[in-house]
N, C-alpha and C. Protein backbone atom coordinates (compact mmCIF):
# COMPACT_ATOMS: atom_id res chain seq x y z
N MET A 1 0.86 -1.17 0.00
CA MET A 1 0.00 0.00 0.00
C MET A 1 0.90 1.23 0.00
N THR A 2 0.61 2.14 -0.86
CA THR A 2 1.36 3.39 -0.96
C THR A 2 0.74 4.42 -0.04
N THR A 3 1.57 5.14 0.69
CA THR A 3 1.09 6.21 1.56
C THR A 3 1.42 7.55 0.95
N LEU A 4 0.44 8.44 0.93
CA LEU A 4 0.61 9.80 0.41
C LEU A 4 0.04 10.79 1.41
N THR A 5 0.53 12.00 1.34
CA THR A 5 -0.10 13.06 2.13
C THR A 5 -1.40 13.46 1.42
N ALA A 6 -2.28 14.08 2.14
CA ALA A 6 -3.54 14.54 1.54
C ALA A 6 -3.26 15.55 0.43
N THR A 7 -2.25 16.36 0.61
CA THR A 7 -1.89 17.35 -0.41
C THR A 7 -1.44 16.67 -1.70
N ALA A 8 -0.58 15.66 -1.57
CA ALA A 8 -0.11 14.93 -2.75
C ALA A 8 -1.26 14.19 -3.41
N ALA A 9 -2.12 13.60 -2.59
CA ALA A 9 -3.27 12.87 -3.13
C ALA A 9 -4.21 13.80 -3.89
N ARG A 10 -4.40 14.99 -3.37
CA ARG A 10 -5.27 15.96 -4.03
C ARG A 10 -4.71 16.31 -5.41
N LYS A 11 -3.40 16.48 -5.51
CA LYS A 11 -2.77 16.82 -6.79
C LYS A 11 -2.91 15.69 -7.81
N GLU A 12 -2.91 14.44 -7.34
CA GLU A 12 -2.95 13.27 -8.23
C GLU A 12 -4.29 12.54 -8.18
N PHE A 13 -5.32 13.18 -7.66
CA PHE A 13 -6.56 12.50 -7.33
C PHE A 13 -7.13 11.65 -8.48
N PHE A 14 -7.30 12.21 -9.65
CA PHE A 14 -7.93 11.48 -10.75
C PHE A 14 -7.08 10.29 -11.18
N ASP A 15 -5.76 10.47 -11.17
CA ASP A 15 -4.86 9.37 -11.51
C ASP A 15 -4.92 8.27 -10.45
N LEU A 16 -4.99 8.63 -9.18
CA LEU A 16 -5.09 7.65 -8.10
C LEU A 16 -6.38 6.85 -8.20
N VAL A 17 -7.49 7.53 -8.48
CA VAL A 17 -8.77 6.84 -8.63
C VAL A 17 -8.70 5.86 -9.79
N LYS A 18 -8.12 6.27 -10.90
CA LYS A 18 -7.99 5.40 -12.06
C LYS A 18 -7.15 4.18 -11.72
N LYS A 19 -6.01 4.39 -11.06
CA LYS A 19 -5.13 3.27 -10.70
C LYS A 19 -5.79 2.34 -9.70
N ALA A 20 -6.55 2.89 -8.77
CA ALA A 20 -7.25 2.07 -7.78
C ALA A 20 -8.34 1.25 -8.47
N ALA A 21 -9.11 1.88 -9.32
CA ALA A 21 -10.24 1.21 -9.97
C ALA A 21 -9.79 0.18 -11.01
N GLN A 22 -8.78 0.51 -11.79
CA GLN A 22 -8.38 -0.37 -12.88
C GLN A 22 -7.21 -1.29 -12.52
N GLY A 23 -6.38 -0.88 -11.60
CA GLY A 23 -5.18 -1.65 -11.30
C GLY A 23 -5.17 -2.28 -9.93
N HIS A 24 -6.29 -2.18 -9.23
CA HIS A 24 -6.41 -2.76 -7.89
C HIS A 24 -5.29 -2.29 -6.96
N LYS A 25 -4.94 -1.03 -7.07
CA LYS A 25 -3.96 -0.44 -6.16
C LYS A 25 -4.69 0.15 -4.97
N THR A 26 -4.02 0.15 -3.83
CA THR A 26 -4.60 0.69 -2.61
C THR A 26 -3.69 1.80 -2.09
N TYR A 27 -4.29 2.90 -1.68
CA TYR A 27 -3.53 4.06 -1.21
C TYR A 27 -3.98 4.46 0.19
N ARG A 28 -3.02 4.73 1.03
CA ARG A 28 -3.29 5.29 2.36
C ARG A 28 -3.02 6.77 2.25
N ILE A 29 -4.01 7.58 2.55
CA ILE A 29 -3.89 9.02 2.43
C ILE A 29 -3.85 9.61 3.84
N GLN A 30 -2.71 10.18 4.17
CA GLN A 30 -2.45 10.68 5.52
C GLN A 30 -2.81 12.16 5.61
N HIS A 31 -3.51 12.48 6.68
CA HIS A 31 -3.91 13.85 6.96
C HIS A 31 -3.63 14.08 8.44
N PRO A 32 -3.33 15.32 8.86
CA PRO A 32 -3.08 15.56 10.29
C PRO A 32 -4.20 15.08 11.21
N GLN A 33 -5.42 15.04 10.71
CA GLN A 33 -6.54 14.62 11.54
C GLN A 33 -6.84 13.12 11.42
N GLY A 34 -6.04 12.38 10.67
CA GLY A 34 -6.24 10.94 10.52
C GLY A 34 -5.94 10.50 9.11
N ALA A 35 -6.07 9.22 8.88
CA ALA A 35 -5.77 8.64 7.57
C ALA A 35 -7.03 8.04 6.96
N ALA A 36 -7.02 7.92 5.64
CA ALA A 36 -8.10 7.28 4.90
C ALA A 36 -7.47 6.35 3.88
N VAL A 37 -8.26 5.41 3.38
CA VAL A 37 -7.77 4.45 2.40
C VAL A 37 -8.59 4.60 1.13
N LEU A 38 -7.90 4.60 -0.01
CA LEU A 38 -8.55 4.64 -1.32
C LEU A 38 -8.31 3.30 -1.98
N MET A 39 -9.40 2.61 -2.34
CA MET A 39 -9.30 1.32 -3.02
C MET A 39 -10.45 1.20 -4.00
N SER A 40 -10.35 0.23 -4.90
CA SER A 40 -11.43 0.05 -5.88
C SER A 40 -12.70 -0.44 -5.19
N GLU A 41 -13.82 -0.14 -5.80
CA GLU A 41 -15.09 -0.61 -5.26
C GLU A 41 -15.12 -2.13 -5.26
N GLU A 42 -14.56 -2.74 -6.31
CA GLU A 42 -14.53 -4.20 -6.40
C GLU A 42 -13.74 -4.81 -5.24
N ASP A 43 -12.59 -4.22 -4.92
CA ASP A 43 -11.78 -4.72 -3.81
C ASP A 43 -12.51 -4.50 -2.48
N TYR A 44 -13.17 -3.37 -2.33
CA TYR A 44 -13.92 -3.07 -1.12
C TYR A 44 -15.06 -4.08 -0.92
N GLU A 45 -15.81 -4.34 -1.98
CA GLU A 45 -16.91 -5.31 -1.90
C GLU A 45 -16.38 -6.70 -1.57
N GLY A 46 -15.24 -7.06 -2.15
CA GLY A 46 -14.62 -8.35 -1.85
C GLY A 46 -14.20 -8.44 -0.40
N LEU A 47 -13.68 -7.36 0.13
CA LEU A 47 -13.29 -7.31 1.54
C LEU A 47 -14.50 -7.49 2.45
N LEU A 48 -15.58 -6.80 2.14
CA LEU A 48 -16.81 -6.94 2.93
C LEU A 48 -17.35 -8.37 2.86
N GLU A 49 -17.31 -8.96 1.68
CA GLU A 49 -17.80 -10.33 1.52
C GLU A 49 -16.94 -11.30 2.34
N THR A 50 -15.63 -11.11 2.32
CA THR A 50 -14.73 -11.95 3.10
C THR A 50 -15.03 -11.82 4.58
N LEU A 51 -15.22 -10.60 5.06
CA LEU A 51 -15.55 -10.40 6.47
C LEU A 51 -16.87 -11.07 6.84
N GLU A 52 -17.84 -10.99 5.94
CA GLU A 52 -19.13 -11.63 6.20
C GLU A 52 -18.97 -13.15 6.29
N LEU A 53 -18.22 -13.73 5.37
CA LEU A 53 -18.01 -15.17 5.39
C LEU A 53 -17.27 -15.61 6.65
N LEU A 54 -16.25 -14.86 7.01
CA LEU A 54 -15.47 -15.22 8.20
C LEU A 54 -16.26 -15.06 9.49
N SER A 55 -17.34 -14.31 9.45
CA SER A 55 -18.16 -14.14 10.65
C SER A 55 -19.19 -15.26 10.82
N LEU A 56 -19.35 -16.10 9.80
CA LEU A 56 -20.30 -17.21 9.90
C LEU A 56 -19.76 -18.28 10.84
N PRO A 57 -20.64 -18.83 11.68
CA PRO A 57 -20.18 -19.89 12.59
C PRO A 57 -19.62 -21.08 11.80
N ASP A 58 -18.51 -21.60 12.24
CA ASP A 58 -17.86 -22.78 11.68
C ASP A 58 -17.30 -22.59 10.26
N PHE A 59 -17.38 -21.40 9.69
CA PHE A 59 -16.88 -21.22 8.32
C PHE A 59 -15.40 -21.54 8.23
N ARG A 60 -14.60 -21.03 9.15
CA ARG A 60 -13.16 -21.27 9.10
C ARG A 60 -12.85 -22.76 9.20
N LYS A 61 -13.56 -23.44 10.08
CA LYS A 61 -13.37 -24.87 10.27
C LYS A 61 -13.68 -25.62 8.96
N ARG A 62 -14.81 -25.29 8.33
CA ARG A 62 -15.19 -25.95 7.08
C ARG A 62 -14.22 -25.60 5.96
N LEU A 63 -13.74 -24.37 5.91
CA LEU A 63 -12.79 -23.97 4.89
C LEU A 63 -11.48 -24.74 5.05
N LYS A 64 -10.97 -24.82 6.27
CA LYS A 64 -9.73 -25.57 6.52
C LYS A 64 -9.90 -27.03 6.14
N SER A 65 -11.05 -27.61 6.44
CA SER A 65 -11.33 -29.00 6.09
C SER A 65 -11.35 -29.17 4.57
N SER A 66 -11.95 -28.24 3.87
CA SER A 66 -12.01 -28.29 2.40
C SER A 66 -10.62 -28.19 1.79
N ILE A 67 -9.79 -27.32 2.33
CA ILE A 67 -8.43 -27.17 1.82
C ILE A 67 -7.65 -28.46 2.05
N LYS A 68 -7.82 -29.05 3.22
CA LYS A 68 -7.14 -30.31 3.53
C LYS A 68 -7.57 -31.40 2.54
N GLN A 69 -8.88 -31.49 2.26
CA GLN A 69 -9.39 -32.47 1.30
C GLN A 69 -8.81 -32.23 -0.09
N MET A 70 -8.72 -30.97 -0.48
CA MET A 70 -8.19 -30.64 -1.79
C MET A 70 -6.72 -31.06 -1.90
N LYS A 71 -5.93 -30.76 -0.86
CA LYS A 71 -4.51 -31.09 -0.88
C LYS A 71 -4.26 -32.59 -0.86
N SER A 72 -5.17 -33.34 -0.24
CA SER A 72 -4.99 -34.78 -0.18
C SER A 72 -5.62 -35.50 -1.38
N GLY A 73 -6.17 -34.73 -2.32
CA GLY A 73 -6.74 -35.32 -3.52
C GLY A 73 -8.14 -35.85 -3.36
N GLU A 74 -8.80 -35.51 -2.28
CA GLU A 74 -10.17 -35.97 -2.04
C GLU A 74 -11.17 -35.05 -2.74
N THR A 75 -11.03 -34.95 -4.04
CA THR A 75 -11.90 -34.06 -4.81
C THR A 75 -12.51 -34.82 -5.97
N VAL A 76 -13.50 -34.24 -6.58
CA VAL A 76 -14.12 -34.79 -7.78
C VAL A 76 -14.09 -33.72 -8.86
N SER A 77 -14.11 -34.15 -10.10
CA SER A 77 -14.07 -33.20 -11.21
C SER A 77 -15.45 -32.58 -11.43
N LEU A 78 -15.47 -31.50 -12.18
CA LEU A 78 -16.74 -30.87 -12.53
C LEU A 78 -17.60 -31.82 -13.36
N THR A 79 -16.96 -32.61 -14.20
CA THR A 79 -17.69 -33.58 -15.01
C THR A 79 -18.38 -34.61 -14.12
N GLU A 80 -17.69 -35.04 -13.05
CA GLU A 80 -18.29 -36.00 -12.13
C GLU A 80 -19.49 -35.38 -11.40
N VAL A 81 -19.42 -34.11 -11.13
CA VAL A 81 -20.51 -33.44 -10.42
C VAL A 81 -21.66 -33.11 -11.35
N PHE A 82 -21.34 -32.51 -12.51
CA PHE A 82 -22.39 -31.99 -13.41
C PHE A 82 -22.61 -32.83 -14.66
N GLY A 83 -21.78 -33.83 -14.89
CA GLY A 83 -21.91 -34.63 -16.10
C GLY A 83 -21.22 -33.97 -17.28
N ASP A 84 -21.32 -34.60 -18.43
CA ASP A 84 -20.71 -34.08 -19.65
C ASP A 84 -21.44 -32.82 -20.10
N LYS A 85 -20.71 -31.99 -20.84
CA LYS A 85 -21.33 -30.78 -21.41
C LYS A 85 -22.36 -31.20 -22.45
N PRO A 86 -23.48 -30.46 -22.54
CA PRO A 86 -24.51 -30.81 -23.53
C PRO A 86 -24.04 -30.60 -24.95
């Protein structure tokens, strides 16, 4: 994450927004009264979704179990699940 002063961010604002939106860059903008973060809406929505999933009871346990199954080869192919393509 790149840190900029509010003054520098103001000078480069449109370029920063473009880089955040199109390049998934994140910027920390420092101001004497506190800091703010500039990120793409897509990244922000993904962060919120991740937080929501992690707040579900037993989600972490089920995720770890799924990863363990995947690493040990206890998986099935999409064809086995959904059959051949029409």
